[in-house]
Amino acid sequence: MKYSKIFQFAYLVFAVLFLYDGITKLGKGNGAYVSFALAGLAVFIFFFRRKFANKYSNKNNKK
């Protein structure tokens, strides 16, 4: 279960990298919005996986 927490935070790292990439491409106009969309998707996946990991751990604690 420890690895899943590491991978959850890896999505935030990817979101930061995509935001940086989007900001650097913003002046040039070469796919900046794609990078912003991928950053948003990475943040969404982080919260989605975190919610289900907490739900799964709460389910195991009740047993």
C-alpha atoms as a PDB file:
ATOM      1  CA  MET A   1       0.000   0.000   0.000  1.00  0.00           C
ATOM      2  CA  LYS A   2       2.993   2.246   0.513  1.00  0.00           C
ATOM      3  CA  TYR A   3       3.781   2.264  -3.201  1.00  0.00           C
ATOM      4  CA  SER A   4       0.322   3.515  -4.080  1.00  0.00           C
ATOM      5  CA  LYS A   5       0.878   6.597  -1.911  1.00  0.00           C
ATOM      6  CA  ILE A   6       4.146   7.275  -3.705  1.00  0.00           C
ATOM      7  CA  PHE A   7       2.430   6.988  -7.078  1.00  0.00           C
ATOM      8  CA  GLN A   8      -0.351   9.310  -5.900  1.00  0.00           C
ATOM      9  CA  PHE A   9       2.170  12.063  -5.273  1.00  0.00           C
ATOM     10  CA  ALA A  10       3.929  11.306  -8.537  1.00  0.00           C
ATOM     11  CA  TYR A  11       0.790  12.609 -10.264  1.00  0.00           C
ATOM     12  CA  LEU A  12       1.287  15.941  -8.506  1.00  0.00           C
ATOM     13  CA  VAL A  13       4.901  16.035  -9.677  1.00  0.00           C
ATOM     14  CA  PHE A  14       3.733  15.433 -13.241  1.00  0.00           C
ATOM     15  CA  ALA A  15       1.125  18.182 -12.839  1.00  0.00           C
ATOM     16  CA  VAL A  16       3.834  20.653 -11.821  1.00  0.00           C
ATOM     17  CA  LEU A  17       6.007  19.594 -14.752  1.00  0.00           C
ATOM     18  CA  PHE A  18       3.125  20.020 -17.196  1.00  0.00           C
ATOM     19  CA  LEU A  19       2.302  23.438 -15.716  1.00  0.00           C
ATOM     20  CA  TYR A  20       5.909  24.505 -16.167  1.00  0.00           C
ATOM     21  CA  ASP A  21       5.885  23.192 -19.724  1.00  0.00           C
ATOM     22  CA  GLY A  22       2.645  25.032 -20.441  1.00  0.00           C
ATOM     23  CA  ILE A  23       3.930  28.290 -19.039  1.00  0.00           C
ATOM     24  CA  THR A  24       7.109  28.106 -21.096  1.00  0.00           C
ATOM     25  CA  LYS A  25       5.115  27.343 -24.258  1.00  0.00           C
ATOM     26  CA  LEU A  26       2.484  30.015 -23.585  1.00  0.00           C
ATOM     27  CA  GLY A  27       4.328  32.788 -25.416  1.00  0.00           C
ATOM     28  CA  LYS A  28       5.103  30.578 -28.398  1.00  0.00           C
ATOM     29  CA  GLY A  29       1.647  29.044 -28.760  1.00  0.00           C
ATOM     30  CA  ASN A  30       2.914  25.512 -29.423  1.00  0.00           C
ATOM     31  CA  GLY A  31       0.487  23.326 -27.517  1.00  0.00           C
ATOM     32  CA  ALA A  32       0.440  25.248 -24.263  1.00  0.00           C
ATOM     33  CA  TYR A  33      -3.204  24.400 -23.699  1.00  0.00           C
ATOM     34  CA  VAL A  34      -2.502  20.689 -24.103  1.00  0.00           C
ATOM     35  CA  SER A  35       0.048  20.906 -21.301  1.00  0.00           C
ATOM     36  CA  PHE A  36      -2.443  22.735 -19.099  1.00  0.00           C
ATOM     37  CA  ALA A  37      -5.080  20.091 -19.825  1.00  0.00           C
ATOM     38  CA  LEU A  38      -2.651  17.304 -18.925  1.00  0.00           C
ATOM     39  CA  ALA A  39      -1.756  19.110 -15.694  1.00  0.00           C
ATOM     40  CA  GLY A  40      -5.435  19.344 -14.815  1.00  0.00           C
ATOM     41  CA  LEU A  41      -5.903  15.670 -15.623  1.00  0.00           C
ATOM     42  CA  ALA A  42      -2.962  14.727 -13.390  1.00  0.00           C
ATOM     43  CA  VAL A  43      -4.438  16.686 -10.476  1.00  0.00           C
ATOM     44  CA  PHE A  44      -7.822  15.043 -11.059  1.00  0.00           C
ATOM     45  CA  ILE A  45      -6.262  11.565 -11.080  1.00  0.00           C
ATOM     46  CA  PHE A  46      -4.388  12.394  -7.853  1.00  0.00           C
ATOM     47  CA  PHE A  47      -7.593  13.242  -6.003  1.00  0.00           C
ATOM     48  CA  PHE A  48      -9.483  10.357  -7.604  1.00  0.00           C
ATOM     49  CA  ARG A  49      -6.902   7.757  -6.567  1.00  0.00           C
ATOM     50  CA  ARG A  50      -6.567   9.318  -3.121  1.00  0.00           C
ATOM     51  CA  LYS A  51     -10.310   9.089  -2.545  1.00  0.00           C
ATOM     52  CA  PHE A  52     -10.474   5.440  -3.505  1.00  0.00           C
ATOM     53  CA  ALA A  53      -7.335   4.551  -1.529  1.00  0.00           C
ATOM     54  CA  ASN A  54      -8.890   6.115   1.573  1.00  0.00           C
ATOM     55  CA  LYS A  55     -12.147   4.331   0.870  1.00  0.00           C
ATOM     56  CA  TYR A  56     -10.307   1.011   0.523  1.00  0.00           C
ATOM     57  CA  SER A  57      -8.265   1.518   3.724  1.00  0.00           C
ATOM     58  CA  ASN A  58     -11.391   2.477   5.693  1.00  0.00           C
ATOM     59  CA  LYS A  59     -13.075  -0.674   4.422  1.00  0.00           C
ATOM     60  CA  ASN A  60     -10.144  -2.796   5.638  1.00  0.00           C
ATOM     61  CA  ASN A  61     -10.076  -1.051   9.048  1.00  0.00           C
ATOM     62  CA  LYS A  62     -13.706  -1.976   9.698  1.00  0.00           C
ATOM     63  CA  LYS A  63     -12.966  -5.707   9.428  1.00  0.00           C
END
